[in-house]
């Protein structure tokens, strides 16, 4: 069975949000890893994906502290 790259990217992104991290460092690393993984799967820029993922996870956890 072949999984579509968009389905895999969405799964990676959701997994990353489910595990935000407890500290700012963990949040940045987890978000960066999820962003880089999603970018790699969708043939995007891994560096840009990591930066966007890290920033997105940090912002999400800042705005929703009870969910991280």
N, C-alpha and C. Protein backbone atom coordinates (compact mmCIF):
# COMPACT_ATOMS: atom_id res chain seq x y z
N UNK A 1 0.84 -1.18 0.00
CA UNK A 1 0.00 0.00 0.00
C UNK A 1 0.89 1.24 0.00
N UNK A 2 0.59 2.17 -0.86
CA UNK A 2 1.36 3.41 -0.96
C UNK A 2 0.58 4.53 -0.29
N UNK A 3 1.24 5.26 0.61
CA UNK A 3 0.62 6.37 1.31
C UNK A 3 0.95 7.66 0.56
N UNK A 4 -0.04 8.49 0.35
CA UNK A 4 0.19 9.78 -0.31
C UNK A 4 1.05 10.65 0.58
N UNK A 5 1.89 11.46 -0.04
CA UNK A 5 2.80 12.32 0.72
C UNK A 5 2.03 13.34 1.56
N UNK A 6 0.90 13.81 1.07
CA UNK A 6 0.12 14.78 1.86
C UNK A 6 -0.48 14.13 3.10
N UNK A 7 -0.90 12.89 2.98
CA UNK A 7 -1.43 12.17 4.13
C UNK A 7 -0.34 11.95 5.17
N UNK A 8 0.83 11.58 4.71
CA UNK A 8 1.94 11.37 5.62
C UNK A 8 2.35 12.67 6.28
N UNK A 9 2.40 13.76 5.53
CA UNK A 9 2.76 15.07 6.09
C UNK A 9 1.75 15.51 7.14
N UNK A 10 0.48 15.29 6.87
CA UNK A 10 -0.56 15.66 7.84
C UNK A 10 -0.43 14.83 9.11
N UNK A 11 -0.13 13.56 8.97
CA UNK A 11 0.05 12.69 10.13
C UNK A 11 1.23 13.15 10.97
N UNK A 12 2.33 13.49 10.31
CA UNK A 12 3.51 13.98 11.03
C UNK A 12 3.18 15.27 11.76
N UNK A 13 2.48 16.17 11.09
CA UNK A 13 2.13 17.45 11.72
C UNK A 13 1.24 17.26 12.93
N UNK A 14 0.25 16.39 12.82
CA UNK A 14 -0.64 16.13 13.96
C UNK A 14 0.11 15.47 15.11
N UNK A 15 1.02 14.59 14.80
CA UNK A 15 1.82 13.95 15.85
C UNK A 15 2.66 14.98 16.57
N UNK A 16 3.20 15.92 15.82
CA UNK A 16 4.01 16.99 16.43
C UNK A 16 3.20 17.87 17.35
N UNK A 17 1.98 18.18 16.97
CA UNK A 17 1.14 19.01 17.82
C UNK A 17 0.70 18.25 19.07
N UNK A 18 0.59 16.95 18.96
CA UNK A 18 0.19 16.16 20.12
C UNK A 18 1.30 16.10 21.16
N UNK A 19 2.52 16.32 20.74
CA UNK A 19 3.67 16.28 21.64
C UNK A 19 4.43 17.60 21.55
N UNK A 20 3.87 18.65 22.11
CA UNK A 20 4.45 20.00 21.99
C UNK A 20 5.79 20.16 22.67
N UNK A 21 5.98 19.53 23.80
CA UNK A 21 7.19 19.73 24.60
C UNK A 21 6.88 20.55 25.84
N UNK A 22 7.66 20.34 26.88
CA UNK A 22 7.43 21.01 28.15
C UNK A 22 8.20 22.32 28.28
N UNK A 23 9.35 22.42 27.64
CA UNK A 23 10.17 23.63 27.73
C UNK A 23 10.24 24.29 26.35
N UNK A 24 10.69 25.54 26.32
CA UNK A 24 10.82 26.25 25.05
C UNK A 24 11.77 25.50 24.11
N UNK A 25 12.85 24.97 24.65
CA UNK A 25 13.80 24.22 23.83
C UNK A 25 13.17 22.98 23.22
N UNK A 26 12.43 22.23 24.03
CA UNK A 26 11.76 21.04 23.52
C UNK A 26 10.73 21.41 22.46
N UNK A 27 10.00 22.48 22.70
CA UNK A 27 8.98 22.92 21.74
C UNK A 27 9.61 23.29 20.41
N UNK A 28 10.75 23.98 20.45
CA UNK A 28 11.43 24.37 19.22
C UNK A 28 11.97 23.14 18.47
N UNK A 29 12.56 22.21 19.20
CA UNK A 29 13.13 21.02 18.57
C UNK A 29 12.04 20.14 17.97
N UNK A 30 10.98 19.91 18.72
CA UNK A 30 9.89 19.07 18.22
C UNK A 30 9.22 19.71 17.00
N UNK A 31 8.93 21.00 17.11
CA UNK A 31 8.31 21.70 15.98
C UNK A 31 9.22 21.71 14.76
N UNK A 32 10.50 21.92 14.99
CA UNK A 32 11.46 21.91 13.89
C UNK A 32 11.55 20.56 13.22
N UNK A 33 11.55 19.51 14.02
CA UNK A 33 11.63 18.15 13.46
C UNK A 33 10.39 17.82 12.65
N UNK A 34 9.23 18.19 13.17
CA UNK A 34 7.99 17.92 12.44
C UNK A 34 7.95 18.73 11.15
N UNK A 35 8.34 19.99 11.22
CA UNK A 35 8.37 20.82 10.01
C UNK A 35 9.34 20.31 8.97
N UNK A 36 10.52 19.91 9.41
CA UNK A 36 11.52 19.37 8.48
C UNK A 36 11.03 18.06 7.86
N UNK A 37 10.42 17.22 8.67
CA UNK A 37 9.88 15.96 8.15
C UNK A 37 8.78 16.17 7.14
N UNK A 38 7.88 17.08 7.44
CA UNK A 38 6.80 17.38 6.51
C UNK A 38 7.34 17.96 5.21
N UNK A 39 8.33 18.83 5.30
CA UNK A 39 8.93 19.42 4.10
C UNK A 39 9.65 18.36 3.27
N UNK A 40 10.33 17.44 3.92
CA UNK A 40 11.04 16.38 3.20
C UNK A 40 10.06 15.48 2.45
N UNK A 41 8.96 15.17 3.10
CA UNK A 41 7.96 14.29 2.49
C UNK A 41 7.29 14.96 1.30
N UNK A 42 7.07 16.26 1.40
CA UNK A 42 6.38 16.98 0.33
C UNK A 42 7.33 17.65 -0.65
N UNK A 43 8.60 17.29 -0.59
CA UNK A 43 9.64 17.82 -1.48
C UNK A 43 9.83 19.33 -1.35
N UNK A 44 9.65 19.85 -0.14
CA UNK A 44 9.87 21.27 0.11
C UNK A 44 11.26 21.49 0.69
N UNK A 45 11.53 22.71 1.06
CA UNK A 45 12.81 23.05 1.68
C UNK A 45 12.81 22.58 3.13
N UNK A 46 13.73 21.69 3.46
CA UNK A 46 13.80 21.14 4.82
C UNK A 46 14.15 22.24 5.83
N UNK A 47 15.03 23.14 5.45
CA UNK A 47 15.43 24.23 6.35
C UNK A 47 14.24 25.15 6.63
N UNK A 48 13.53 25.52 5.58
CA UNK A 48 12.35 26.37 5.76
C UNK A 48 11.28 25.64 6.57
N UNK A 49 11.08 24.38 6.29
CA UNK A 49 10.11 23.58 7.04
C UNK A 49 10.46 23.52 8.52
N UNK A 50 11.73 23.35 8.82
CA UNK A 50 12.17 23.30 10.22
C UNK A 50 11.93 24.64 10.91
N UNK A 51 12.24 25.72 10.22
CA UNK A 51 12.04 27.05 10.81
C UNK A 51 10.56 27.34 11.05
N UNK A 52 9.74 27.02 10.06
CA UNK A 52 8.30 27.26 10.20
C UNK A 52 7.71 26.35 11.27
N UNK A 53 8.13 25.10 11.31
CA UNK A 53 7.64 24.16 12.33
C UNK A 53 8.01 24.59 13.74
N UNK A 54 9.25 25.01 13.93
CA UNK A 54 9.69 25.46 15.25
C UNK A 54 8.91 26.69 15.69
N UNK A 55 8.80 27.67 14.79
CA UNK A 55 8.07 28.89 15.12
C UNK A 55 6.60 28.60 15.37
N UNK A 56 6.01 27.75 14.57
CA UNK A 56 4.60 27.41 14.73
C UNK A 56 4.33 26.71 16.05
N UNK A 57 5.19 25.78 16.42
CA UNK A 57 4.98 25.06 17.67
C UNK A 57 5.18 25.98 18.87
N UNK A 58 6.19 26.84 18.80
CA UNK A 58 6.41 27.80 19.90
C UNK A 58 5.20 28.72 20.05
N UNK A 59 4.69 29.23 18.95
CA UNK A 59 3.53 30.12 18.99
C UNK A 59 2.30 29.39 19.52
N UNK A 60 2.08 28.17 19.03
CA UNK A 60 0.92 27.40 19.49
C UNK A 60 0.98 27.17 21.00
N UNK A 61 2.14 26.78 21.49
CA UNK A 61 2.28 26.50 22.92
C UNK A 61 2.18 27.77 23.75
N UNK A 62 2.62 28.89 23.20
CA UNK A 62 2.51 30.18 23.90
C UNK A 62 1.06 30.61 24.01
N UNK A 63 0.31 30.41 22.96
CA UNK A 63 -1.10 30.82 22.94
C UNK A 63 -2.02 29.84 23.64
N UNK A 64 -1.59 28.58 23.76
CA UNK A 64 -2.42 27.52 24.36
C UNK A 64 -1.63 26.76 25.41
N UNK A 65 -1.22 27.42 26.50
CA UNK A 65 -0.35 26.75 27.46
C UNK A 65 -0.96 25.51 28.11
N UNK A 66 -2.24 25.46 28.23
CA UNK A 66 -2.87 24.30 28.85
C UNK A 66 -2.91 23.07 27.96
N UNK A 67 -2.65 23.26 26.68
CA UNK A 67 -2.71 22.15 25.72
C UNK A 67 -1.33 21.57 25.42
N UNK A 68 -0.29 22.14 25.99
CA UNK A 68 1.07 21.65 25.72
C UNK A 68 1.63 20.93 26.92
